[in-house]
């Protein structure tokens, strides 16, 4: 095989449609946009506009509400904290704070704080200080002989 014999599969490539290039092209003069009207003009085609008919997004029922100032927490499961302690990435003797979790690589960024959830097995006797924790997570840490303190009362549920 030589370089000049190389070619793409038939039908794999298609030439770009060049509009407004004379009557012989099939898309000359008005370039396939029809006569007059908003859609024939450049730069104006209102998205979602249905020609005066009630638009779909207004016909559908609305429900719910998104709080604009809601807090977003980084979530950590107790099972993962236990795994990091077993792998010696977290020091069980020192208090486990949010900064320690970030330094170990367990949490990427703090956001509005770190929230601990109770998924997984937990057996280490440690002191954990975080912004939020579920009740079952607090119970699991205390059952293991440690303590889980929540720094701000509003974040805990």
N, C-alpha and C. Protein backbone atom coordinates (compact mmCIF):
# COMPACT_ATOMS: atom_id res chain seq x y z
N UNK A 1 0.85 -1.20 0.00
CA UNK A 1 0.00 0.00 0.00
C UNK A 1 0.88 1.24 0.00
N UNK A 2 0.50 2.21 -0.83
CA UNK A 2 1.26 3.45 -0.92
C UNK A 2 0.42 4.60 -0.36
N UNK A 3 1.09 5.70 -0.09
CA UNK A 3 0.40 6.84 0.52
C UNK A 3 -0.76 7.34 -0.33
N UNK A 4 -0.58 7.34 -1.65
CA UNK A 4 -1.64 7.87 -2.51
C UNK A 4 -2.83 6.90 -2.63
N UNK A 5 -2.67 5.69 -2.11
CA UNK A 5 -3.78 4.73 -2.16
C UNK A 5 -4.64 4.77 -0.91
N UNK A 6 -4.18 5.53 0.12
CA UNK A 6 -4.95 5.63 1.35
C UNK A 6 -6.21 6.46 1.13
N UNK A 7 -7.33 5.97 1.61
CA UNK A 7 -8.57 6.77 1.55
C UNK A 7 -9.49 6.32 2.68
N UNK A 8 -10.39 7.22 3.05
CA UNK A 8 -11.33 6.90 4.12
C UNK A 8 -12.41 5.98 3.59
N UNK A 9 -13.17 5.36 4.49
CA UNK A 9 -14.27 4.50 4.06
C UNK A 9 -15.28 5.33 3.29
N UNK A 10 -15.92 4.75 2.28
CA UNK A 10 -16.91 5.54 1.53
C UNK A 10 -18.06 5.96 2.45
N UNK A 11 -18.40 7.26 2.40
CA UNK A 11 -19.48 7.78 3.24
C UNK A 11 -19.02 8.23 4.61
N UNK A 12 -17.71 8.06 4.92
CA UNK A 12 -17.22 8.44 6.25
C UNK A 12 -17.08 9.95 6.37
N UNK A 13 -16.70 10.61 5.31
CA UNK A 13 -16.56 12.07 5.35
C UNK A 13 -17.58 12.72 4.45
N UNK A 14 -18.03 13.90 4.84
CA UNK A 14 -19.05 14.60 4.07
C UNK A 14 -18.65 16.06 4.00
N UNK A 15 -18.75 16.65 2.84
CA UNK A 15 -18.35 18.05 2.66
C UNK A 15 -19.34 18.96 3.37
N UNK A 16 -18.82 20.08 3.92
CA UNK A 16 -19.67 21.06 4.60
C UNK A 16 -20.60 21.72 3.59
N UNK A 17 -21.84 21.97 4.02
CA UNK A 17 -22.81 22.63 3.14
C UNK A 17 -22.51 24.12 3.09
N UNK A 18 -22.17 24.64 1.89
CA UNK A 18 -21.86 26.06 1.76
C UNK A 18 -23.11 26.77 1.26
N UNK A 19 -23.73 27.53 2.16
CA UNK A 19 -25.00 28.17 1.82
C UNK A 19 -24.76 29.57 1.26
N UNK A 20 -25.73 30.05 0.46
CA UNK A 20 -25.64 31.40 -0.09
C UNK A 20 -24.57 31.55 -1.14
N UNK A 21 -24.37 30.53 -1.96
CA UNK A 21 -23.33 30.59 -2.99
C UNK A 21 -23.91 30.40 -4.40
N UNK A 22 -24.99 31.10 -4.69
CA UNK A 22 -25.53 31.10 -6.05
C UNK A 22 -26.63 30.08 -6.26
N UNK A 23 -27.45 30.31 -7.32
CA UNK A 23 -28.62 29.46 -7.57
C UNK A 23 -28.28 28.02 -7.91
N UNK A 24 -27.12 27.79 -8.49
CA UNK A 24 -26.75 26.43 -8.89
C UNK A 24 -26.48 25.52 -7.70
N UNK A 25 -26.20 26.10 -6.54
CA UNK A 25 -25.83 25.28 -5.39
C UNK A 25 -27.03 24.62 -4.73
N UNK A 26 -28.22 25.16 -4.97
CA UNK A 26 -29.41 24.62 -4.32
C UNK A 26 -29.71 25.32 -3.01
N UNK A 27 -28.71 25.98 -2.44
CA UNK A 27 -28.95 26.76 -1.23
C UNK A 27 -28.42 28.19 -1.44
N UNK A 28 -28.74 28.76 -2.58
CA UNK A 28 -28.31 30.12 -2.87
C UNK A 28 -29.33 31.12 -2.38
N UNK A 29 -29.16 32.36 -2.72
CA UNK A 29 -30.04 33.47 -2.39
C UNK A 29 -30.42 33.54 -0.91
N UNK A 30 -31.44 32.81 -0.47
CA UNK A 30 -31.88 32.91 0.92
C UNK A 30 -31.24 31.86 1.82
N UNK A 31 -30.37 31.03 1.27
CA UNK A 31 -29.60 30.05 2.02
C UNK A 31 -30.46 29.07 2.81
N UNK A 32 -31.63 28.72 2.27
CA UNK A 32 -32.48 27.73 2.91
C UNK A 32 -33.23 28.24 4.13
N UNK A 33 -33.25 29.58 4.33
CA UNK A 33 -33.93 30.14 5.50
C UNK A 33 -35.35 30.62 5.20
N UNK A 34 -35.77 30.53 3.96
CA UNK A 34 -37.12 30.99 3.63
C UNK A 34 -37.16 32.50 3.46
N UNK A 35 -38.38 33.05 3.42
CA UNK A 35 -38.54 34.48 3.16
C UNK A 35 -38.94 35.19 4.45
N UNK A 36 -38.25 36.24 4.77
CA UNK A 36 -38.53 37.10 5.93
C UNK A 36 -38.68 36.34 7.25
N UNK A 37 -39.18 37.01 8.25
CA UNK A 37 -39.43 36.36 9.54
C UNK A 37 -38.21 36.33 10.43
N UNK A 38 -38.47 36.12 11.71
CA UNK A 38 -37.41 36.18 12.70
C UNK A 38 -36.30 35.17 12.41
N UNK A 39 -36.65 33.97 11.99
CA UNK A 39 -35.65 32.93 11.81
C UNK A 39 -34.79 33.14 10.57
N UNK A 40 -35.19 34.05 9.69
CA UNK A 40 -34.36 34.32 8.53
C UNK A 40 -33.27 35.32 8.86
N UNK A 41 -33.43 36.04 9.93
CA UNK A 41 -32.44 37.05 10.32
C UNK A 41 -31.29 36.39 11.10
N UNK A 42 -30.16 37.05 11.09
CA UNK A 42 -29.03 36.47 11.81
C UNK A 42 -29.03 36.94 13.25
N UNK A 43 -28.64 36.02 14.15
CA UNK A 43 -28.48 36.40 15.55
C UNK A 43 -29.74 36.44 16.37
N UNK A 44 -30.91 36.20 15.79
CA UNK A 44 -32.13 36.22 16.59
C UNK A 44 -32.96 34.98 16.34
N UNK A 45 -33.00 34.13 17.31
CA UNK A 45 -33.94 33.02 17.30
C UNK A 45 -34.14 32.73 18.77
N UNK A 46 -35.27 33.17 19.31
CA UNK A 46 -35.49 33.09 20.75
C UNK A 46 -35.62 31.63 21.15
N UNK A 47 -34.75 31.21 22.04
CA UNK A 47 -34.73 29.83 22.48
C UNK A 47 -35.99 29.52 23.30
N UNK A 48 -36.67 28.43 22.98
CA UNK A 48 -37.85 28.05 23.73
C UNK A 48 -39.11 28.80 23.30
N UNK A 49 -38.99 29.69 22.31
CA UNK A 49 -40.16 30.44 21.86
C UNK A 49 -40.96 29.59 20.90
N UNK A 50 -42.27 29.51 21.12
CA UNK A 50 -43.11 28.62 20.32
C UNK A 50 -44.16 29.40 19.53
N UNK A 51 -43.78 30.56 19.04
CA UNK A 51 -44.67 31.31 18.16
C UNK A 51 -45.94 31.78 18.84
N UNK A 52 -45.90 32.14 20.09
CA UNK A 52 -47.08 32.63 20.79
C UNK A 52 -47.82 31.56 21.56
N UNK A 53 -47.61 30.30 21.19
CA UNK A 53 -48.21 29.20 21.97
C UNK A 53 -47.53 29.17 23.33
N UNK A 54 -48.27 28.75 24.35
CA UNK A 54 -47.69 28.68 25.70
C UNK A 54 -46.52 27.70 25.69
N UNK A 55 -45.31 28.15 26.01
CA UNK A 55 -44.13 27.29 25.90
C UNK A 55 -44.19 26.09 26.85
N UNK A 56 -43.48 25.04 26.48
CA UNK A 56 -43.50 23.80 27.24
C UNK A 56 -43.10 24.02 28.69
N UNK A 57 -42.05 24.83 28.92
CA UNK A 57 -41.58 25.02 30.29
C UNK A 57 -42.58 25.79 31.14
N UNK A 58 -43.53 26.48 30.51
CA UNK A 58 -44.57 27.16 31.29
C UNK A 58 -45.81 26.28 31.47
N UNK A 59 -45.96 25.29 30.57
CA UNK A 59 -47.12 24.40 30.66
C UNK A 59 -46.93 23.34 31.75
N UNK A 60 -45.70 22.97 32.04
CA UNK A 60 -45.45 21.91 33.02
C UNK A 60 -45.56 22.45 34.44
N UNK A 61 -46.06 21.64 35.38
CA UNK A 61 -46.20 22.11 36.76
C UNK A 61 -44.84 22.27 37.44
N UNK A 62 -44.76 23.26 38.31
CA UNK A 62 -43.52 23.51 39.04
C UNK A 62 -43.68 22.95 40.46
N UNK A 63 -42.58 22.40 40.99
CA UNK A 63 -42.62 21.91 42.36
C UNK A 63 -41.27 22.08 43.03
N UNK A 64 -41.31 22.29 44.33
CA UNK A 64 -40.08 22.33 45.09
C UNK A 64 -39.42 23.69 45.12
N UNK A 65 -38.31 23.74 45.83
CA UNK A 65 -37.61 24.99 46.04
C UNK A 65 -36.17 24.68 46.36
N UNK A 66 -35.23 25.41 45.75
CA UNK A 66 -33.82 25.25 46.06
C UNK A 66 -33.34 26.43 46.87
N UNK A 67 -32.88 26.15 48.07
CA UNK A 67 -32.41 27.20 48.96
C UNK A 67 -31.15 27.84 48.37
N UNK A 68 -31.14 29.15 48.15
CA UNK A 68 -29.97 29.76 47.53
C UNK A 68 -28.74 29.79 48.43
N UNK A 69 -28.96 29.72 49.77
CA UNK A 69 -27.83 29.83 50.70
C UNK A 69 -27.59 28.55 51.47
N UNK A 70 -28.02 27.41 50.89
CA UNK A 70 -27.89 26.15 51.62
C UNK A 70 -26.41 25.77 51.78
N UNK A 71 -26.14 25.03 52.85
CA UNK A 71 -24.78 24.63 53.13
C UNK A 71 -24.47 23.32 52.41
N UNK A 72 -23.27 23.24 51.85
CA UNK A 72 -22.83 22.03 51.16
C UNK A 72 -21.66 21.46 51.93
N UNK A 73 -21.84 20.23 52.44
CA UNK A 73 -20.81 19.60 53.24
C UNK A 73 -20.07 18.53 52.45
N UNK A 74 -18.79 18.37 52.75
CA UNK A 74 -18.05 17.21 52.26
C UNK A 74 -18.44 16.04 53.14
N UNK A 75 -18.79 14.92 52.53
CA UNK A 75 -19.29 13.78 53.30
C UNK A 75 -18.22 12.72 53.43
N UNK A 76 -18.04 12.22 54.66
CA UNK A 76 -17.07 11.14 54.93
C UNK A 76 -17.78 10.04 55.69
N UNK A 77 -17.56 8.80 55.30
CA UNK A 77 -18.14 7.67 56.02
C UNK A 77 -17.14 7.15 57.05
N UNK A 78 -17.68 6.64 58.17
CA UNK A 78 -16.83 6.12 59.24
C UNK A 78 -15.94 4.96 58.77
N UNK A 79 -16.48 4.14 57.87
CA UNK A 79 -15.71 3.01 57.34
C UNK A 79 -14.43 3.47 56.66
N UNK A 80 -14.50 4.60 55.94
CA UNK A 80 -13.32 5.13 55.25
C UNK A 80 -12.31 5.68 56.25
N UNK A 81 -12.81 6.34 57.31
CA UNK A 81 -11.91 6.86 58.34
C UNK A 81 -11.16 5.68 58.99
N UNK A 82 -11.88 4.59 59.26
CA UNK A 82 -11.27 3.39 59.84
C UNK A 82 -10.20 2.82 58.91
N UNK A 83 -10.49 2.80 57.61
CA UNK A 83 -9.55 2.26 56.63
C UNK A 83 -8.27 3.11 56.61
N UNK A 84 -8.43 4.44 56.68
CA UNK A 84 -7.27 5.33 56.66
C UNK A 84 -6.44 5.19 57.95
N UNK A 85 -7.13 4.92 59.07
CA UNK A 85 -6.41 4.70 60.33
C UNK A 85 -5.62 3.39 60.25
N UNK A 86 -6.25 2.35 59.69
CA UNK A 86 -5.58 1.05 59.54
C UNK A 86 -4.36 1.16 58.60
N UNK A 87 -4.48 2.00 57.56
CA UNK A 87 -3.38 2.18 56.60
C UNK A 87 -2.34 3.18 57.08
N UNK A 88 -2.49 3.66 58.33
CA UNK A 88 -1.56 4.63 58.95
C UNK A 88 -1.53 5.98 58.22
N UNK A 89 -2.60 6.30 57.49
CA UNK A 89 -2.67 7.62 56.84
C UNK A 89 -3.24 8.66 57.80
N UNK A 90 -3.99 8.19 58.80
CA UNK A 90 -4.51 9.06 59.86
C UNK A 90 -3.94 8.59 61.20
N UNK A 91 -3.58 9.55 62.06
CA UNK A 91 -3.04 9.22 63.38
C UNK A 91 -4.18 9.06 64.37
N UNK A 92 -4.36 7.86 64.89
CA UNK A 92 -5.47 7.58 65.80
C UNK A 92 -5.25 8.21 67.18
N UNK A 93 -3.98 8.47 67.55
CA UNK A 93 -3.70 9.04 68.87
C UNK A 93 -4.06 10.52 68.93
N UNK A 94 -3.81 11.25 67.84
CA UNK A 94 -4.16 12.68 67.80
C UNK A 94 -5.63 12.83 67.42
N UNK A 95 -6.17 14.01 67.72
CA UNK A 95 -7.57 14.28 67.36
C UNK A 95 -7.69 14.40 65.84
N UNK A 96 -8.73 13.79 65.29
CA UNK A 96 -8.95 13.86 63.85
C UNK A 96 -9.82 15.08 63.56
N UNK A 97 -9.21 16.09 62.96
CA UNK A 97 -9.93 17.32 62.62
C UNK A 97 -10.18 17.35 61.12
N UNK A 98 -10.89 18.37 60.68
CA UNK A 98 -11.16 18.52 59.24
C UNK A 98 -9.85 18.72 58.48
N UNK A 99 -8.92 19.47 59.06
CA UNK A 99 -7.63 19.71 58.39
C UNK A 99 -6.83 18.41 58.27
N UNK A 100 -6.93 17.56 59.29
CA UNK A 100 -6.23 16.27 59.25
C UNK A 100 -6.81 15.38 58.16
N UNK A 101 -8.12 15.43 57.97
CA UNK A 101 -8.78 14.64 56.93
C UNK A 101 -8.35 15.10 55.54
N UNK A 102 -8.19 16.42 55.38
CA UNK A 102 -7.76 16.97 54.09
C UNK A 102 -6.30 16.60 53.83
N UNK A 103 -5.46 16.72 54.87
CA UNK A 103 -4.03 16.41 54.74
C UNK A 103 -3.81 14.94 54.38
N UNK A 104 -4.67 14.05 54.90
CA UNK A 104 -4.52 12.62 54.62
C UNK A 104 -5.01 12.26 53.22
N UNK A 105 -5.80 13.16 52.62
CA UNK A 105 -6.32 12.90 51.28
C UNK A 105 -7.69 12.24 51.28
N UNK A 106 -8.27 12.08 52.45
CA UNK A 106 -9.60 11.46 52.54
C UNK A 106 -10.68 12.42 52.05
N UNK A 107 -10.50 13.71 52.34
CA UNK A 107 -11.43 14.74 51.88
C UNK A 107 -10.66 15.66 50.95
N UNK A 108 -11.25 16.01 49.83
CA UNK A 108 -10.54 16.88 48.89
C UNK A 108 -10.59 18.33 49.33
N UNK A 109 -11.82 18.82 49.62
CA UNK A 109 -11.93 20.21 50.10
C UNK A 109 -13.05 20.31 51.12
N UNK A 110 -12.95 21.31 51.96
CA UNK A 110 -13.83 21.41 53.12
C UNK A 110 -15.24 21.87 52.75
N UNK A 111 -15.40 22.71 51.72
CA UNK A 111 -16.67 23.36 51.37
C UNK A 111 -17.19 24.12 52.59
N UNK A 112 -18.43 23.85 53.05
CA UNK A 112 -18.94 24.53 54.25
C UNK A 112 -18.63 23.74 55.52
N UNK A 113 -17.90 22.67 55.38
CA UNK A 113 -17.56 21.83 56.52
C UNK A 113 -17.56 20.36 56.12
N UNK A 114 -17.18 19.52 57.07
CA UNK A 114 -17.13 18.07 56.82
C UNK A 114 -18.20 17.41 57.67
N UNK A 115 -18.97 16.50 57.06
CA UNK A 115 -20.04 15.81 57.78
C UNK A 115 -19.72 14.33 57.80
N UNK A 116 -19.80 13.72 58.97
CA UNK A 116 -19.47 12.29 59.12
C UNK A 116 -20.75 11.49 59.14
N UNK A 117 -20.79 10.43 58.32
CA UNK A 117 -21.93 9.51 58.28
C UNK A 117 -21.48 8.13 58.76
N UNK A 118 -22.46 7.31 59.15
CA UNK A 118 -22.14 6.08 59.88
C UNK A 118 -21.94 4.84 59.01
N UNK A 119 -21.78 4.99 57.70
CA UNK A 119 -21.64 3.80 56.84
C UNK A 119 -20.30 3.11 57.07
N UNK A 120 -20.33 1.82 57.21
CA UNK A 120 -19.10 1.05 57.38
C UNK A 120 -18.84 0.68 58.84
N UNK A 121 -17.87 -0.22 59.05
CA UNK A 121 -17.51 -0.66 60.39
C UNK A 121 -16.50 0.29 60.99
N UNK A 122 -16.64 0.56 62.30
CA UNK A 122 -15.72 1.47 62.97
C UNK A 122 -15.34 0.88 64.32
N UNK A 123 -14.03 0.78 64.57
CA UNK A 123 -13.60 0.17 65.82
C UNK A 123 -12.50 0.95 66.54
N UNK A 124 -11.98 2.02 65.92
CA UNK A 124 -10.87 2.76 66.52
C UNK A 124 -11.37 3.69 67.62
N UNK A 125 -10.53 3.84 68.66
CA UNK A 125 -10.86 4.74 69.77
C UNK A 125 -10.21 6.09 69.47
N UNK A 126 -10.96 6.99 68.85
CA UNK A 126 -10.40 8.27 68.42
C UNK A 126 -11.30 9.43 68.81
N UNK A 127 -10.71 10.63 68.77
CA UNK A 127 -11.48 11.86 68.97
C UNK A 127 -11.62 12.53 67.60
N UNK A 128 -12.86 12.75 67.19
CA UNK A 128 -13.12 13.37 65.89
C UNK A 128 -13.80 14.71 66.11
N UNK A 129 -13.29 15.75 65.46
CA UNK A 129 -13.90 17.07 65.56
C UNK A 129 -14.26 17.54 64.15
N UNK A 130 -15.56 17.61 63.86
CA UNK A 130 -16.03 18.01 62.53
C UNK A 130 -17.20 18.98 62.64
N UNK A 131 -17.63 19.50 61.49
CA UNK A 131 -18.74 20.46 61.47
C UNK A 131 -20.08 19.78 61.70
N UNK A 132 -20.25 18.57 61.14
CA UNK A 132 -21.53 17.89 61.27
C UNK A 132 -21.36 16.39 61.35
N UNK A 133 -22.36 15.73 61.93
CA UNK A 133 -22.33 14.27 62.02
C UNK A 133 -23.75 13.76 62.21
N UNK A 134 -24.03 12.58 61.66
CA UNK A 134 -25.34 11.98 61.88
C UNK A 134 -25.37 11.38 63.28
N UNK A 135 -26.58 11.21 63.82
CA UNK A 135 -26.72 10.66 65.17
C UNK A 135 -26.15 9.25 65.24
N UNK A 136 -26.37 8.48 64.18
CA UNK A 136 -25.86 7.10 64.17
C UNK A 136 -24.34 7.08 64.12
N UNK A 137 -23.71 8.10 63.48
CA UNK A 137 -22.25 8.18 63.44
C UNK A 137 -21.71 8.48 64.83
N UNK A 138 -22.35 9.41 65.54
CA UNK A 138 -21.94 9.76 66.91
C UNK A 138 -22.04 8.52 67.80
N UNK A 139 -23.14 7.78 67.65
CA UNK A 139 -23.36 6.58 68.45
C UNK A 139 -22.29 5.52 68.15
N UNK A 140 -21.93 5.37 66.88
CA UNK A 140 -20.95 4.35 66.49
C UNK A 140 -19.57 4.66 67.03
N UNK A 141 -19.19 5.95 67.01
CA UNK A 141 -17.87 6.34 67.52
C UNK A 141 -17.81 6.14 69.03
N UNK A 142 -18.91 6.53 69.72
CA UNK A 142 -18.94 6.37 71.17
C UNK A 142 -18.98 4.90 71.57
N UNK A 143 -19.61 4.07 70.76
CA UNK A 143 -19.65 2.63 71.04
C UNK A 143 -18.25 2.03 70.92
N UNK A 144 -17.41 2.62 70.05
CA UNK A 144 -16.04 2.14 69.88
C UNK A 144 -15.12 2.69 70.97
N UNK A 145 -15.65 3.58 71.82
CA UNK A 145 -14.86 4.12 72.92
C UNK A 145 -14.24 5.48 72.62
N UNK A 146 -14.61 6.08 71.51
CA UNK A 146 -14.07 7.39 71.15
C UNK A 146 -15.09 8.48 71.38
N UNK A 147 -14.79 9.68 70.87
CA UNK A 147 -15.76 10.77 70.98
C UNK A 147 -15.81 11.54 69.67
N UNK A 148 -17.01 11.94 69.30
CA UNK A 148 -17.21 12.72 68.07
C UNK A 148 -17.86 14.04 68.47
N UNK A 149 -17.12 15.14 68.34
CA UNK A 149 -17.67 16.44 68.72
C UNK A 149 -17.99 17.25 67.47
N UNK A 150 -19.17 17.87 67.49
CA UNK A 150 -19.61 18.71 66.38
C UNK A 150 -19.35 20.16 66.76
N UNK A 151 -18.61 20.88 65.90
CA UNK A 151 -18.17 22.23 66.27
C UNK A 151 -19.30 23.25 66.24
N UNK A 152 -20.18 23.18 65.22
CA UNK A 152 -21.31 24.12 65.20
C UNK A 152 -22.59 23.35 65.38
N UNK A 153 -23.42 23.82 66.30
CA UNK A 153 -24.66 23.10 66.65
C UNK A 153 -25.66 23.10 65.51
N UNK A 154 -25.64 24.17 64.66
CA UNK A 154 -26.64 24.28 63.58
C UNK A 154 -26.42 23.23 62.49
N UNK A 155 -25.17 22.78 62.32
CA UNK A 155 -24.88 21.82 61.25
C UNK A 155 -25.29 20.40 61.62
N UNK A 156 -25.33 20.10 62.92
CA UNK A 156 -25.68 18.74 63.34
C UNK A 156 -27.18 18.53 63.24
N UNK A 157 -27.55 17.29 62.92
CA UNK A 157 -28.98 17.00 62.84
C UNK A 157 -29.36 15.99 63.90
